[in-house]
N, C-alpha and C. Protein backbone atom coordinates (compact mmCIF):
# COMPACT_ATOMS: atom_id res chain seq x y z
N UNK A 1 37.89 -5.80 -17.14
CA UNK A 1 37.45 -6.06 -15.76
C UNK A 1 36.22 -5.20 -15.42
N UNK A 2 36.26 -3.93 -15.85
CA UNK A 2 35.15 -3.04 -15.53
C UNK A 2 33.88 -3.45 -16.27
N UNK A 3 34.03 -3.88 -17.54
CA UNK A 3 32.86 -4.33 -18.30
C UNK A 3 32.24 -5.56 -17.66
N UNK A 4 33.10 -6.43 -17.14
CA UNK A 4 32.59 -7.65 -16.50
C UNK A 4 31.79 -7.29 -15.25
N UNK A 5 32.27 -6.32 -14.47
CA UNK A 5 31.54 -5.90 -13.28
C UNK A 5 30.20 -5.28 -13.65
N UNK A 6 30.18 -4.46 -14.70
CA UNK A 6 28.92 -3.88 -15.14
C UNK A 6 27.94 -4.96 -15.56
N UNK A 7 28.44 -5.97 -16.25
CA UNK A 7 27.56 -7.05 -16.71
C UNK A 7 27.01 -7.84 -15.53
N UNK A 8 27.86 -8.10 -14.53
CA UNK A 8 27.40 -8.84 -13.35
C UNK A 8 26.34 -8.05 -12.59
N UNK A 9 26.56 -6.74 -12.41
CA UNK A 9 25.58 -5.91 -11.71
C UNK A 9 24.28 -5.86 -12.49
N UNK A 10 24.37 -5.78 -13.82
CA UNK A 10 23.16 -5.73 -14.65
C UNK A 10 22.37 -7.03 -14.53
N UNK A 11 23.07 -8.16 -14.55
CA UNK A 11 22.39 -9.46 -14.43
C UNK A 11 21.71 -9.59 -13.08
N UNK A 12 22.38 -9.17 -12.01
CA UNK A 12 21.79 -9.25 -10.67
C UNK A 12 20.56 -8.35 -10.59
N UNK A 13 20.64 -7.15 -11.18
CA UNK A 13 19.50 -6.23 -11.17
C UNK A 13 18.31 -6.82 -11.91
N UNK A 14 18.56 -7.41 -13.09
CA UNK A 14 17.48 -8.01 -13.88
C UNK A 14 16.86 -9.17 -13.11
N UNK A 15 17.67 -9.99 -12.46
CA UNK A 15 17.13 -11.11 -11.69
C UNK A 15 16.26 -10.61 -10.53
N UNK A 16 16.69 -9.54 -9.87
CA UNK A 16 15.89 -8.99 -8.77
C UNK A 16 14.56 -8.46 -9.29
N UNK A 17 14.57 -7.79 -10.43
CA UNK A 17 13.32 -7.26 -10.99
C UNK A 17 12.39 -8.41 -11.36
N UNK A 18 12.92 -9.44 -12.01
CA UNK A 18 12.08 -10.58 -12.38
C UNK A 18 11.52 -11.27 -11.15
N UNK A 19 12.32 -11.39 -10.10
CA UNK A 19 11.85 -12.01 -8.86
C UNK A 19 10.73 -11.19 -8.24
N UNK A 20 10.88 -9.86 -8.25
CA UNK A 20 9.84 -9.00 -7.69
C UNK A 20 8.55 -9.11 -8.48
N UNK A 21 8.66 -9.12 -9.81
CA UNK A 21 7.45 -9.21 -10.65
C UNK A 21 6.76 -10.55 -10.45
N UNK A 22 7.52 -11.63 -10.45
CA UNK A 22 6.90 -12.95 -10.29
C UNK A 22 6.31 -13.09 -8.88
N UNK A 23 6.96 -12.54 -7.88
CA UNK A 23 6.41 -12.57 -6.53
C UNK A 23 5.13 -11.78 -6.43
N UNK A 24 5.07 -10.64 -7.14
CA UNK A 24 3.85 -9.83 -7.13
C UNK A 24 2.69 -10.61 -7.73
N UNK A 25 2.92 -11.25 -8.88
CA UNK A 25 1.84 -12.01 -9.51
C UNK A 25 1.47 -13.23 -8.68
N UNK A 26 2.45 -13.84 -7.99
CA UNK A 26 2.15 -14.98 -7.12
C UNK A 26 1.26 -14.54 -5.97
N UNK A 27 1.54 -13.37 -5.40
CA UNK A 27 0.73 -12.88 -4.29
C UNK A 27 -0.67 -12.51 -4.76
N UNK A 28 -0.82 -12.12 -6.03
CA UNK A 28 -2.15 -11.82 -6.54
C UNK A 28 -2.99 -13.09 -6.61
N UNK A 29 -2.37 -14.22 -6.96
CA UNK A 29 -3.11 -15.48 -7.07
C UNK A 29 -3.26 -16.16 -5.71
N UNK A 30 -2.26 -16.03 -4.83
CA UNK A 30 -2.27 -16.72 -3.54
C UNK A 30 -2.06 -15.71 -2.42
N UNK A 31 -3.09 -14.98 -2.04
CA UNK A 31 -2.92 -14.00 -0.95
C UNK A 31 -2.70 -14.71 0.38
N UNK A 32 -1.98 -14.06 1.27
CA UNK A 32 -1.73 -14.63 2.60
C UNK A 32 -3.00 -14.51 3.44
N UNK A 33 -3.56 -15.65 3.80
CA UNK A 33 -4.80 -15.61 4.57
C UNK A 33 -4.55 -15.77 6.07
N UNK A 34 -3.39 -16.26 6.46
CA UNK A 34 -3.13 -16.46 7.88
C UNK A 34 -2.53 -15.25 8.56
N UNK A 35 -2.08 -14.27 7.80
CA UNK A 35 -1.40 -13.12 8.39
C UNK A 35 -2.40 -12.06 8.85
N UNK A 36 -1.92 -11.18 9.70
CA UNK A 36 -2.80 -10.13 10.22
C UNK A 36 -3.19 -9.15 9.11
N UNK A 37 -2.24 -8.83 8.22
CA UNK A 37 -2.55 -7.86 7.16
C UNK A 37 -3.63 -8.42 6.24
N UNK A 38 -3.61 -9.72 6.00
CA UNK A 38 -4.65 -10.31 5.16
C UNK A 38 -6.01 -10.20 5.82
N UNK A 39 -6.07 -10.41 7.14
CA UNK A 39 -7.36 -10.31 7.83
C UNK A 39 -7.86 -8.87 7.80
N UNK A 40 -6.94 -7.92 7.96
CA UNK A 40 -7.35 -6.51 7.93
C UNK A 40 -7.88 -6.16 6.55
N UNK A 41 -7.19 -6.63 5.52
CA UNK A 41 -7.66 -6.34 4.17
C UNK A 41 -9.01 -6.98 3.93
N UNK A 42 -9.22 -8.18 4.43
CA UNK A 42 -10.52 -8.84 4.24
C UNK A 42 -11.61 -8.08 4.97
N UNK A 43 -11.33 -7.56 6.16
CA UNK A 43 -12.34 -6.80 6.89
C UNK A 43 -12.68 -5.51 6.15
N UNK A 44 -11.67 -4.88 5.57
CA UNK A 44 -11.90 -3.61 4.89
C UNK A 44 -12.66 -3.83 3.57
N UNK A 45 -12.42 -4.98 2.94
CA UNK A 45 -13.04 -5.19 1.62
C UNK A 45 -14.48 -5.67 1.72
N UNK A 46 -14.91 -6.12 2.91
CA UNK A 46 -16.29 -6.60 3.05
C UNK A 46 -17.25 -5.41 3.08
N UNK A 47 -18.36 -5.48 2.37
CA UNK A 47 -19.32 -4.38 2.39
C UNK A 47 -20.00 -4.29 3.76
N UNK A 48 -20.14 -3.09 4.24
CA UNK A 48 -20.77 -2.90 5.56
C UNK A 48 -22.29 -2.87 5.42
N UNK A 49 -22.95 -3.51 6.38
CA UNK A 49 -24.42 -3.56 6.31
C UNK A 49 -25.03 -2.63 7.36
């Protein structure tokens, strides 16, 4: 019973890590342009003249 619980927790942990990694790479390719944080980042990344 205890080994089964350890295996279930390990599988859930691995799935969460994979989800976080894939979400990170997805956000790198498709940044949020409608959100406020995206606009702030765009303003900060533009070179000032």
